[in-house]
Amino acid sequence: MRVLGLDSGGTKTLLAVALPTGQVTEFRQGPGLDPTAGKDWEQDLITLLQPCAPMQAAVLGLAYFSEIPAISARQTAIAQAVLGLGAEVVNDVAVAYEGALGGADGVLVLSGTGSMAWARGPAGVVRCGGWGDVFGDEGSAYWIGRAALALVSRHLDGRQDAEAFAVGMLDAIGIIGAELIAWTYGQTQPRAAVAALARDVVALAEQNQDAAEIVRQAAAHLVEMGRSAARRADLPRGHRWSFAGGVFASDALRGAVTTGMGSPPTPPRLPPVGGAVIAAARRAGWVVDETFIATLAGSLADGSQV
């Protein structure tokens, strides 16, 4: 009588095992499971899941699921091989939506390593963005980090004057300008390394106009996704919306997105891993009521001590 919920992004994975009361009995963290970054994700996923088997039901929110057929098939095969046929894999943004809005109609704007808006309304479930770092993921941590590197390189070339920003970013990385190419292309996990720079950009934005402009542009991209998703889902004016992802820890970005969306957000009820647990509980046929959600929320908030 246990269910498992898992949420994985580009930089980390969280796993929670819960009882029918909503109480979390296991809480584990692992590396990101980006299937486009090499084959290590398969063994990392197996290593995370094996100590938890068997499960009555499990829902795993994994990046790229339903987007690349071969990867989706492999993700499902691994989950079911370890946990049994009661395991289901869904897109990681689907569990983030479930956690934030509890399955109610509305819009979730997500900005972590990648970015996407996910909406549900009279026209059904729609998504906007999430096209990956090569030609999408605007407003994400990766997009912010890439924009920062681009601006530093332009300053080093003399194409744009951004001295304070360039000095601040190079100091944060711990390199000099001549080492920028070696640092960037020498990373074992380049996508995660570039995304991690978003924290430095957000910190600089409090005192530097170039950094603040990157944050402003990121917010504008996220608003564009959120509004497009709401329109396509045929949501009424004044619909609810919420957010997820580490980039929303920035007060400046969250405030700019709030202004652009035209109304205050609904605070996320649960983190994405909590949304995965709720989905798994429903898959198991459990009663998911307010008491279950409140107990789950409290357990997850204290997850590091489980």
C-alpha atoms as a PDB file:
ATOM      1  CA  MET A   1       0.000   0.000   0.000  1.00  0.00           C
ATOM      2  CA  ARG A   2       2.574   2.529  -1.159  1.00  0.00           C
ATOM      3  CA  VAL A   3       2.802   4.800  -4.188  1.00  0.00           C
ATOM      4  CA  LEU A   4       5.768   6.554  -5.717  1.00  0.00           C
ATOM      5  CA  GLY A   5       6.006   9.959  -7.339  1.00  0.00           C
ATOM      6  CA  LEU A   6       9.062  11.201  -9.183  1.00  0.00           C
ATOM      7  CA  ASP A   7       9.883  14.515 -10.822  1.00  0.00           C
ATOM      8  CA  SER A   8      13.020  15.043 -12.862  1.00  0.00           C
ATOM      9  CA  GLY A   9      14.320  18.108 -14.647  1.00  0.00           C
ATOM     10  CA  GLY A  10      17.593  18.970 -16.254  1.00  0.00           C
ATOM     11  CA  THR A  11      19.589  19.320 -13.045  1.00  0.00           C
ATOM     12  CA  LYS A  12      18.009  17.177 -10.312  1.00  0.00           C
ATOM     13  CA  THR A  13      15.469  14.460  -9.567  1.00  0.00           C
ATOM     14  CA  LEU A  14      13.188  14.181  -6.544  1.00  0.00           C
ATOM     15  CA  LEU A  15      11.401  10.983  -5.513  1.00  0.00           C
ATOM     16  CA  ALA A  16       8.783  10.501  -2.790  1.00  0.00           C
ATOM     17  CA  VAL A  17       7.023   7.372  -1.514  1.00  0.00           C
ATOM     18  CA  ALA A  18       3.708   7.881   0.286  1.00  0.00           C
ATOM     19  CA  LEU A  19       1.074   5.935   2.228  1.00  0.00           C
ATOM     20  CA  PRO A  20      -2.736   6.183   1.723  1.00  0.00           C
ATOM     21  CA  THR A  21      -2.800   8.875   4.419  1.00  0.00           C
ATOM     22  CA  GLY A  22      -0.547  11.129   2.359  1.00  0.00           C
ATOM     23  CA  GLN A  23       2.376  10.620   4.729  1.00  0.00           C
ATOM     24  CA  VAL A  24       5.735  10.467   2.948  1.00  0.00           C
ATOM     25  CA  THR A  25       7.910   7.576   4.132  1.00  0.00           C
ATOM     26  CA  GLU A  26      10.829   7.997   1.739  1.00  0.00           C
ATOM     27  CA  PHE A  27      12.259  11.102   0.106  1.00  0.00           C
ATOM     28  CA  ARG A  28      15.243  10.786  -2.200  1.00  0.00           C
ATOM     29  CA  GLN A  29      17.227  13.110  -4.455  1.00  0.00           C
ATOM     30  CA  GLY A  30      19.332  12.232  -7.461  1.00  0.00           C
ATOM     31  CA  PRO A  31      20.910  13.809 -10.534  1.00  0.00           C
ATOM     32  CA  GLY A  32      18.917  15.134 -13.464  1.00  0.00           C
ATOM     33  CA  LEU A  33      17.758  12.519 -15.948  1.00  0.00           C
ATOM     34  CA  ASP A  34      18.200  14.420 -19.198  1.00  0.00           C
ATOM     35  CA  PRO A  35      18.044  11.708 -21.882  1.00  0.00           C
ATOM     36  CA  THR A  36      19.716  13.986 -24.436  1.00  0.00           C
ATOM     37  CA  ALA A  37      22.864  14.327 -22.310  1.00  0.00           C
ATOM     38  CA  GLY A  38      24.068  10.734 -22.715  1.00  0.00           C
ATOM     39  CA  LYS A  39      23.202   7.241 -21.478  1.00  0.00           C
ATOM     40  CA  ASP A  40      23.943   7.798 -17.787  1.00  0.00           C
ATOM     41  CA  TRP A  41      20.305   8.736 -17.143  1.00  0.00           C
ATOM     42  CA  GLU A  42      19.200   5.111 -17.544  1.00  0.00           C
ATOM     43  CA  GLN A  43      21.405   3.740 -14.770  1.00  0.00           C
ATOM     44  CA  ASP A  44      20.715   6.793 -12.595  1.00  0.00           C
ATOM     45  CA  LEU A  45      16.963   6.155 -12.897  1.00  0.00           C
ATOM     46  CA  ILE A  46      17.356   2.446 -12.095  1.00  0.00           C
ATOM     47  CA  THR A  47      19.526   3.271  -9.072  1.00  0.00           C
ATOM     48  CA  LEU A  48      16.884   5.666  -7.734  1.00  0.00           C
ATOM     49  CA  LEU A  49      13.954   3.295  -8.255  1.00  0.00           C
ATOM     50  CA  GLN A  50      15.332  -0.099  -7.215  1.00  0.00           C
ATOM     51  CA  PRO A  51      15.352   0.473  -3.417  1.00  0.00           C
ATOM     52  CA  CYS A  52      11.663   1.442  -3.595  1.00  0.00           C
ATOM     53  CA  ALA A  53      10.259  -1.567  -5.466  1.00  0.00           C
ATOM     54  CA  PRO A  54       7.633  -2.910  -5.439  1.00  0.00           C
ATOM     55  CA  MET A  55       4.923  -0.216  -5.622  1.00  0.00           C
ATOM     56  CA  GLN A  56       1.162  -0.353  -5.885  1.00  0.00           C
ATOM     57  CA  ALA A  57       1.365   2.489  -8.386  1.00  0.00           C
ATOM     58  CA  ALA A  58       3.934   5.016  -9.549  1.00  0.00           C
ATOM     59  CA  VAL A  59       3.953   8.122 -11.723  1.00  0.00           C
ATOM     60  CA  LEU A  60       7.234   9.458 -13.039  1.00  0.00           C
ATOM     61  CA  GLY A  61       7.445  12.927 -14.546  1.00  0.00           C
ATOM     62  CA  LEU A  62      10.374  12.782 -16.958  1.00  0.00           C
ATOM     63  CA  ALA A  63      11.775  15.291 -19.427  1.00  0.00           C
ATOM     64  CA  TYR A  64      11.124  14.661 -23.132  1.00  0.00           C
ATOM     65  CA  PHE A  65       8.413  12.049 -22.471  1.00  0.00           C
ATOM     66  CA  SER A  66       5.790  12.078 -25.273  1.00  0.00           C
ATOM     67  CA  GLU A  67       8.135  14.254 -27.342  1.00  0.00           C
ATOM     68  CA  ILE A  68      10.709  11.765 -28.689  1.00  0.00           C
ATOM     69  CA  PRO A  69       9.137   8.293 -29.250  1.00  0.00           C
ATOM     70  CA  ALA A  70      12.306   6.232 -28.793  1.00  0.00           C
ATOM     71  CA  ILE A  71      13.174   7.995 -25.537  1.00  0.00           C
ATOM     72  CA  SER A  72       9.579   7.744 -24.271  1.00  0.00           C
ATOM     73  CA  ALA A  73       9.516   3.990 -24.916  1.00  0.00           C
ATOM     74  CA  ARG A  74      12.797   3.503 -23.070  1.00  0.00           C
ATOM     75  CA  GLN A  75      11.641   5.605 -20.098  1.00  0.00           C
ATOM     76  CA  THR A  76       8.471   3.532 -19.755  1.00  0.00           C
ATOM     77  CA  ALA A  77      10.337   0.237 -20.181  1.00  0.00           C
ATOM     78  CA  ILE A  78      12.775   1.056 -17.372  1.00  0.00           C
ATOM     79  CA  ALA A  79      10.063   2.289 -15.000  1.00  0.00           C
ATOM     80  CA  GLN A  80       7.919  -0.800 -15.498  1.00  0.00           C
ATOM     81  CA  ALA A  81      10.861  -3.211 -15.401  1.00  0.00           C
ATOM     82  CA  VAL A  82      11.825  -1.934 -11.949  1.00  0.00           C
ATOM     83  CA  LEU A  83       8.454  -1.027 -10.415  1.00  0.00           C
ATOM     84  CA  GLY A  84       5.987  -3.190 -12.320  1.00  0.00           C
ATOM     85  CA  LEU A  85       3.180  -2.484 -14.750  1.00  0.00           C
ATOM     86  CA  GLY A  86       1.572  -0.093 -12.265  1.00  0.00           C
ATOM     87  CA  ALA A  87       4.226   2.482 -13.157  1.00  0.00           C
ATOM     88  CA  GLU A  88       3.311   5.234 -15.593  1.00  0.00           C
ATOM     89  CA  VAL A  89       5.594   7.821 -17.168  1.00  0.00           C
ATOM     90  CA  VAL A  90       4.293  11.274 -18.089  1.00  0.00           C
ATOM     91  CA  ASN A  91       5.893  14.546 -19.117  1.00  0.00           C
ATOM     92  CA  ASP A  92       7.567  16.336 -16.220  1.00  0.00           C
ATOM     93  CA  VAL A  93       5.437  19.453 -16.786  1.00  0.00           C
ATOM     94  CA  ALA A  94       2.264  17.378 -16.358  1.00  0.00           C
ATOM     95  CA  VAL A  95       3.196  16.538 -12.740  1.00  0.00           C
ATOM     96  CA  ALA A  96       4.234  20.131 -12.109  1.00  0.00           C
ATOM     97  CA  TYR A  97       0.762  21.220 -13.264  1.00  0.00           C
ATOM     98  CA  GLU A  98      -0.916  18.613 -11.068  1.00  0.00           C
ATOM     99  CA  GLY A  99       1.043  19.775  -8.049  1.00  0.00           C
ATOM    100  CA  ALA A 100       0.549  23.494  -8.573  1.00  0.00           C
ATOM    101  CA  LEU A 101      -3.142  23.554  -9.485  1.00  0.00           C
ATOM    102  CA  GLY A 102      -4.327  20.215  -8.144  1.00  0.00           C
ATOM    103  CA  GLY A 103      -5.734  19.303 -11.558  1.00  0.00           C
ATOM    104  CA  ALA A 104      -8.046  22.355 -11.728  1.00  0.00           C
ATOM    105  CA  ASP A 105      -8.393  24.324 -14.952  1.00  0.00           C
ATOM    106  CA  GLY A 106      -5.822  27.083 -15.439  1.00  0.00           C
ATOM    107  CA  VAL A 107      -2.285  27.711 -16.640  1.00  0.00           C
ATOM    108  CA  LEU A 108       1.049  26.611 -15.269  1.00  0.00           C
ATOM    109  CA  VAL A 109       4.091  28.622 -16.342  1.00  0.00           C
ATOM    110  CA  LEU A 110       7.257  26.636 -15.743  1.00  0.00           C
ATOM    111  CA  SER A 111      10.809  27.906 -15.873  1.00  0.00           C
ATOM    112  CA  GLY A 112      13.524  25.566 -14.690  1.00  0.00           C
ATOM    113  CA  THR A 113      16.392  24.309 -16.822  1.00  0.00           C
ATOM    114  CA  GLY A 114      13.846  24.441 -19.656  1.00  0.00           C
ATOM    115  CA  SER A 115      10.553  26.281 -19.971  1.00  0.00           C
ATOM    116  CA  MET A 116       6.965  25.609 -20.978  1.00  0.00           C
ATOM    117  CA  ALA A 117       3.389  26.669 -20.308  1.00  0.00           C
ATOM    118  CA  TRP A 118       0.753  23.971 -19.708  1.00  0.00           C
ATOM    119  CA  ALA A 119      -2.951  24.791 -19.676  1.00  0.00           C
ATOM    120  CA  ARG A 120      -6.250  22.998 -19.220  1.00  0.00           C
ATOM    121  CA  GLY A 121      -9.594  24.529 -20.128  1.00  0.00           C
ATOM    122  CA  PRO A 122     -12.759  24.015 -22.203  1.00  0.00           C
ATOM    123  CA  ALA A 123     -10.640  23.210 -25.280  1.00  0.00           C
ATOM    124  CA  GLY A 124      -8.688  20.551 -23.398  1.00  0.00           C
ATOM    125  CA  VAL A 125      -5.021  20.292 -22.422  1.00  0.00           C
ATOM    126  CA  VAL A 126      -2.528  22.337 -24.418  1.00  0.00           C
ATOM    127  CA  ARG A 127       1.150  23.147 -24.080  1.00  0.00           C
ATOM    128  CA  CYS A 128       3.210  26.033 -25.364  1.00  0.00           C
ATOM    129  CA  GLY A 129       6.994  26.137 -25.560  1.00  0.00           C
ATOM    130  CA  GLY A 130       9.192  23.312 -24.366  1.00  0.00           C
ATOM    131  CA  TRP A 131      10.953  23.006 -27.725  1.00  0.00           C
ATOM    132  CA  GLY A 132      14.368  22.417 -26.151  1.00  0.00           C
ATOM    133  CA  ASP A 133      17.510  24.494 -25.860  1.00  0.00           C
ATOM    134  CA  VAL A 134      18.495  24.408 -29.564  1.00  0.00           C
ATOM    135  CA  PHE A 135      15.595  26.593 -30.729  1.00  0.00           C
ATOM    136  CA  GLY A 136      13.286  27.051 -27.744  1.00  0.00           C
ATOM    137  CA  ASP A 137      13.053  27.069 -23.934  1.00  0.00           C
ATOM    138  CA  GLU A 138      12.837  30.865 -23.932  1.00  0.00           C
ATOM    139  CA  GLY A 139      12.846  32.395 -20.469  1.00  0.00           C
ATOM    140  CA  SER A 140      14.351  29.280 -18.891  1.00  0.00           C
ATOM    141  CA  ALA A 141      17.445  29.080 -16.717  1.00  0.00           C
ATOM    142  CA  TYR A 142      19.353  27.795 -19.731  1.00  0.00           C
ATOM    143  CA  TRP A 143      18.097  30.668 -21.869  1.00  0.00           C
ATOM    144  CA  ILE A 144      19.142  33.180 -19.194  1.00  0.00           C
ATOM    145  CA  GLY A 145      22.579  31.578 -18.847  1.00  0.00           C
ATOM    146  CA  ARG A 146      23.091  31.503 -22.606  1.00  0.00           C
ATOM    147  CA  ALA A 147      22.041  35.159 -22.909  1.00  0.00           C
ATOM    148  CA  ALA A 148      24.537  36.015 -20.178  1.00  0.00           C
ATOM    149  CA  LEU A 149      27.390  34.216 -21.957  1.00  0.00           C
ATOM    150  CA  ALA A 150      26.468  35.901 -25.216  1.00  0.00           C
ATOM    151  CA  LEU A 151      26.565  39.350 -23.607  1.00  0.00           C
ATOM    152  CA  VAL A 152      29.906  38.642 -21.933  1.00  0.00           C
ATOM    153  CA  SER A 153      31.353  37.532 -25.285  1.00  0.00           C
ATOM    154  CA  ARG A 154      30.029  40.648 -27.015  1.00  0.00           C
ATOM    155  CA  HIS A 155      31.665  42.817 -24.388  1.00  0.00           C
ATOM    156  CA  LEU A 156      34.974  40.974 -24.711  1.00  0.00           C
ATOM    157  CA  ASP A 157      34.831  41.560 -28.485  1.00  0.00           C
ATOM    158  CA  GLY A 158      34.133  45.255 -28.068  1.00  0.00           C
ATOM    159  CA  ARG A 159      30.775  44.885 -29.804  1.00  0.00           C
ATOM    160  CA  GLN A 160      28.791  46.014 -26.755  1.00  0.00           C
ATOM    161  CA  ASP A 161      29.736  47.900 -23.616  1.00  0.00           C
ATOM    162  CA  ALA A 162      28.730  45.751 -20.644  1.00  0.00           C
ATOM    163  CA  GLU A 163      31.819  45.934 -18.470  1.00  0.00           C
ATOM    164  CA  ALA A 164      30.178  45.695 -15.044  1.00  0.00           C
ATOM    165  CA  PHE A 165      28.044  42.766 -16.155  1.00  0.00           C
ATOM    166  CA  ALA A 166      30.955  40.917 -17.770  1.00  0.00           C
ATOM    167  CA  VAL A 167      33.189  41.406 -14.735  1.00  0.00           C
ATOM    168  CA  GLY A 168      30.402  40.229 -12.416  1.00  0.00           C
ATOM    169  CA  MET A 169      29.684  37.095 -14.433  1.00  0.00           C
ATOM    170  CA  LEU A 170      33.336  36.157 -14.915  1.00  0.00           C
ATOM    171  CA  ASP A 171      33.949  36.620 -11.200  1.00  0.00           C
ATOM    172  CA  ALA A 172      30.930  34.434 -10.411  1.00  0.00           C
ATOM    173  CA  ILE A 173      32.220  31.684 -12.707  1.00  0.00           C
ATOM    174  CA  GLY A 174      35.757  32.101 -11.413  1.00  0.00           C
ATOM    175  CA  ILE A 175      37.508  32.610 -14.743  1.00  0.00           C
ATOM    176  CA  ILE A 176      39.004  35.353 -16.883  1.00  0.00           C
ATOM    177  CA  GLY A 177      37.669  36.271 -20.301  1.00  0.00           C
ATOM    178  CA  ALA A 178      40.282  34.260 -22.181  1.00  0.00           C
ATOM    179  CA  GLU A 179      38.998  31.099 -20.451  1.00  0.00           C
ATOM    180  CA  LEU A 180      35.339  31.537 -21.427  1.00  0.00           C
ATOM    181  CA  ILE A 181      35.358  29.119 -24.364  1.00  0.00           C
ATOM    182  CA  ALA A 182      37.291  26.436 -22.456  1.00  0.00           C
ATOM    183  CA  TRP A 183      34.924  26.705 -19.472  1.00  0.00           C
ATOM    184  CA  THR A 184      31.745  26.601 -21.540  1.00  0.00           C
ATOM    185  CA  TYR A 185      32.635  23.769 -23.903  1.00  0.00           C
ATOM    186  CA  GLY A 186      34.615  21.793 -21.354  1.00  0.00           C
ATOM    187  CA  GLN A 187      31.626  21.024 -19.120  1.00  0.00           C
ATOM    188  CA  THR A 188      30.592  17.405 -18.643  1.00  0.00           C
ATOM    189  CA  GLN A 189      26.952  18.534 -18.486  1.00  0.00           C
ATOM    190  CA  PRO A 190      26.985  21.777 -20.510  1.00  0.00           C
ATOM    191  CA  ARG A 191      23.222  22.356 -20.416  1.00  0.00           C
ATOM    192  CA  ALA A 192      23.091  22.145 -16.624  1.00  0.00           C
ATOM    193  CA  ALA A 193      26.236  24.261 -16.249  1.00  0.00           C
ATOM    194  CA  VAL A 194      24.867  27.051 -18.439  1.00  0.00           C
ATOM    195  CA  ALA A 195      21.486  26.897 -16.682  1.00  0.00           C
ATOM    196  CA  ALA A 196      23.199  27.266 -13.308  1.00  0.00           C
ATOM    197  CA  LEU A 197      24.419  30.715 -14.402  1.00  0.00           C
ATOM    198  CA  ALA A 198      20.848  32.004 -14.120  1.00  0.00           C
ATOM    199  CA  ARG A 199      21.301  32.331 -10.350  1.00  0.00           C
ATOM    200  CA  ASP A 200      24.255  34.669 -10.895  1.00  0.00           C
ATOM    201  CA  VAL A 201      22.331  36.739 -13.449  1.00  0.00           C
ATOM    202  CA  VAL A 202      19.383  37.109 -11.057  1.00  0.00           C
ATOM    203  CA  ALA A 203      21.728  38.157  -8.249  1.00  0.00           C
ATOM    204  CA  LEU A 204      23.427  40.734 -10.500  1.00  0.00           C
ATOM    205  CA  ALA A 205      20.054  42.060 -11.663  1.00  0.00           C
ATOM    206  CA  GLU A 206      19.552  43.741  -8.292  1.00  0.00           C
ATOM    207  CA  GLN A 207      22.303  46.238  -9.145  1.00  0.00           C
ATOM    208  CA  ASN A 208      23.086  45.884 -12.845  1.00  0.00           C
ATOM    209  CA  GLN A 209      20.849  47.065 -15.680  1.00  0.00           C
ATOM    210  CA  ASP A 210      22.202  44.579 -18.233  1.00  0.00           C
ATOM    211  CA  ALA A 211      21.342  41.651 -15.944  1.00  0.00           C
ATOM    212  CA  ALA A 212      17.959  43.204 -15.147  1.00  0.00           C
ATOM    213  CA  GLU A 213      17.221  43.453 -18.873  1.00  0.00           C
ATOM    214  CA  ILE A 214      17.958  39.744 -19.381  1.00  0.00           C
ATOM    215  CA  VAL A 215      15.559  38.916 -16.527  1.00  0.00           C
ATOM    216  CA  ARG A 216      12.939  41.250 -18.018  1.00  0.00           C
ATOM    217  CA  GLN A 217      13.226  39.567 -21.420  1.00  0.00           C
ATOM    218  CA  ALA A 218      12.970  36.133 -19.811  1.00  0.00           C
ATOM    219  CA  ALA A 219       9.764  37.182 -18.048  1.00  0.00           C
ATOM    220  CA  ALA A 220       8.329  38.507 -21.308  1.00  0.00           C
ATOM    221  CA  HIS A 221       8.930  35.159 -23.011  1.00  0.00           C
ATOM    222  CA  LEU A 222       7.240  33.295 -20.142  1.00  0.00           C
ATOM    223  CA  VAL A 223       4.228  35.629 -20.251  1.00  0.00           C
ATOM    224  CA  GLU A 224       3.945  35.072 -23.996  1.00  0.00           C
ATOM    225  CA  MET A 225       3.832  31.298 -23.449  1.00  0.00           C
ATOM    226  CA  GLY A 226       1.337  31.537 -20.604  1.00  0.00           C
ATOM    227  CA  ARG A 227      -1.052  33.801 -22.471  1.00  0.00           C
ATOM    228  CA  SER A 228      -0.833  31.719 -25.631  1.00  0.00           C
ATOM    229  CA  ALA A 229      -1.561  28.502 -23.716  1.00  0.00           C
ATOM    230  CA  ALA A 230      -4.560  30.121 -21.998  1.00  0.00           C
ATOM    231  CA  ARG A 231      -5.952  31.359 -25.311  1.00  0.00           C
ATOM    232  CA  ARG A 232      -5.589  27.989 -27.009  1.00  0.00           C
ATOM    233  CA  ALA A 233      -7.214  26.205 -24.054  1.00  0.00           C
ATOM    234  CA  ASP A 234     -10.125  28.678 -24.336  1.00  0.00           C
ATOM    235  CA  LEU A 235      -9.795  29.727 -20.710  1.00  0.00           C
ATOM    236  CA  PRO A 236     -12.054  32.587 -19.609  1.00  0.00           C
ATOM    237  CA  ARG A 237     -10.787  36.019 -18.630  1.00  0.00           C
ATOM    238  CA  GLY A 238      -9.498  36.026 -15.062  1.00  0.00           C
ATOM    239  CA  HIS A 239      -8.461  32.353 -15.171  1.00  0.00           C
ATOM    240  CA  ARG A 240      -6.150  31.049 -12.484  1.00  0.00           C
ATOM    241  CA  TRP A 241      -2.473  30.519 -13.129  1.00  0.00           C
ATOM    242  CA  SER A 242       0.469  29.247 -11.149  1.00  0.00           C
ATOM    243  CA  PHE A 243       4.193  28.722 -11.569  1.00  0.00           C
ATOM    244  CA  ALA A 244       6.940  26.166 -11.061  1.00  0.00           C
ATOM    245  CA  GLY A 245      10.679  25.904 -11.527  1.00  0.00           C
ATOM    246  CA  GLY A 246      13.711  27.392  -9.851  1.00  0.00           C
ATOM    247  CA  VAL A 247      13.781  30.572 -11.958  1.00  0.00           C
ATOM    248  CA  PHE A 248      10.603  31.726 -10.203  1.00  0.00           C
ATOM    249  CA  ALA A 249      12.622  32.068  -7.005  1.00  0.00           C
ATOM    250  CA  SER A 250      13.550  35.464  -8.450  1.00  0.00           C
ATOM    251  CA  ASP A 251      11.212  38.112  -7.016  1.00  0.00           C
ATOM    252  CA  ALA A 252      11.911  40.381  -9.989  1.00  0.00           C
ATOM    253  CA  LEU A 253      11.040  37.735 -12.574  1.00  0.00           C
ATOM    254  CA  ARG A 254       7.984  36.522 -10.680  1.00  0.00           C
ATOM    255  CA  GLY A 255       6.760  40.106 -10.357  1.00  0.00           C
ATOM    256  CA  ALA A 256       7.255  40.811 -14.053  1.00  0.00           C
ATOM    257  CA  VAL A 257       5.410  37.625 -15.048  1.00  0.00           C
ATOM    258  CA  THR A 258       2.589  38.511 -12.647  1.00  0.00           C
ATOM    259  CA  THR A 259       2.229  41.923 -14.284  1.00  0.00           C
ATOM    260  CA  GLY A 260       2.231  40.381 -17.734  1.00  0.00           C
ATOM    261  CA  MET A 261      -0.328  37.698 -16.849  1.00  0.00           C
ATOM    262  CA  GLY A 262      -2.629  40.403 -15.484  1.00  0.00           C
ATOM    263  CA  SER A 263      -3.467  38.794 -12.146  1.00  0.00           C
ATOM    264  CA  PRO A 264      -1.691  37.405  -9.075  1.00  0.00           C
ATOM    265  CA  PRO A 265      -0.699  33.744  -9.310  1.00  0.00           C
ATOM    266  CA  THR A 266      -2.301  30.963  -7.338  1.00  0.00           C
ATOM    267  CA  PRO A 267       0.489  29.796  -5.015  1.00  0.00           C
ATOM    268  CA  PRO A 268       1.566  26.254  -5.948  1.00  0.00           C
ATOM    269  CA  ARG A 269      -0.228  23.767  -3.707  1.00  0.00           C
ATOM    270  CA  LEU A 270       2.526  21.195  -4.023  1.00  0.00           C
ATOM    271  CA  PRO A 271       5.909  20.943  -5.720  1.00  0.00           C
ATOM    272  CA  PRO A 272       6.051  18.849  -8.907  1.00  0.00           C
ATOM    273  CA  VAL A 273       7.064  15.686  -7.020  1.00  0.00           C
ATOM    274  CA  GLY A 274       3.877  16.127  -4.970  1.00  0.00           C
ATOM    275  CA  GLY A 275       1.880  16.296  -8.180  1.00  0.00           C
ATOM    276  CA  ALA A 276       3.429  12.975  -9.200  1.00  0.00           C
ATOM    277  CA  VAL A 277       2.424  11.440  -5.852  1.00  0.00           C
ATOM    278  CA  ILE A 278      -1.173  12.670  -6.274  1.00  0.00           C
ATOM    279  CA  ALA A 279      -1.320  11.206  -9.773  1.00  0.00           C
ATOM    280  CA  ALA A 280       0.058   7.887  -8.493  1.00  0.00           C
ATOM    281  CA  ALA A 281      -2.458   7.829  -5.614  1.00  0.00           C
ATOM    282  CA  ARG A 282      -5.328   8.320  -8.045  1.00  0.00           C
ATOM    283  CA  ARG A 283      -3.875   5.608 -10.263  1.00  0.00           C
ATOM    284  CA  ALA A 284      -3.928   3.300  -7.223  1.00  0.00           C
ATOM    285  CA  GLY A 285      -7.574   4.145  -6.569  1.00  0.00           C
ATOM    286  CA  TRP A 286      -6.934   5.986  -3.325  1.00  0.00           C
ATOM    287  CA  VAL A 287      -9.058   8.839  -2.027  1.00  0.00           C
ATOM    288  CA  VAL A 288      -7.214  12.085  -2.747  1.00  0.00           C
ATOM    289  CA  ASP A 289      -9.005  14.687  -0.650  1.00  0.00           C
ATOM    290  CA  GLU A 290      -7.952  17.871   1.136  1.00  0.00           C
ATOM    291  CA  THR A 291      -6.691  15.888   4.131  1.00  0.00           C
ATOM    292  CA  PHE A 292      -4.481  13.744   1.895  1.00  0.00           C
ATOM    293  CA  ILE A 293      -3.085  16.829   0.114  1.00  0.00           C
ATOM    294  CA  ALA A 294      -2.452  18.694   3.381  1.00  0.00           C
ATOM    295  CA  THR A 295      -0.635  15.711   4.895  1.00  0.00           C
ATOM    296  CA  LEU A 296       1.391  15.258   1.731  1.00  0.00           C
ATOM    297  CA  ALA A 297       2.313  18.947   1.626  1.00  0.00           C
ATOM    298  CA  GLY A 298       3.506  18.856   5.224  1.00  0.00           C
ATOM    299  CA  SER A 299       5.538  15.705   4.657  1.00  0.00           C
ATOM    300  CA  LEU A 300       7.198  17.100   1.538  1.00  0.00           C
ATOM    301  CA  ALA A 301       8.028  20.362   3.279  1.00  0.00           C
ATOM    302  CA  ASP A 302       9.931  18.297   5.839  1.00  0.00           C
ATOM    303  CA  GLY A 303      11.233  15.881   3.210  1.00  0.00           C
ATOM    304  CA  SER A 304      14.904  16.367   3.963  1.00  0.00           C
ATOM    305  CA  GLN A 305      14.302  14.857   7.386  1.00  0.00           C
ATOM    306  CA  VAL A 306      12.318  11.802   6.252  1.00  0.00           C
END
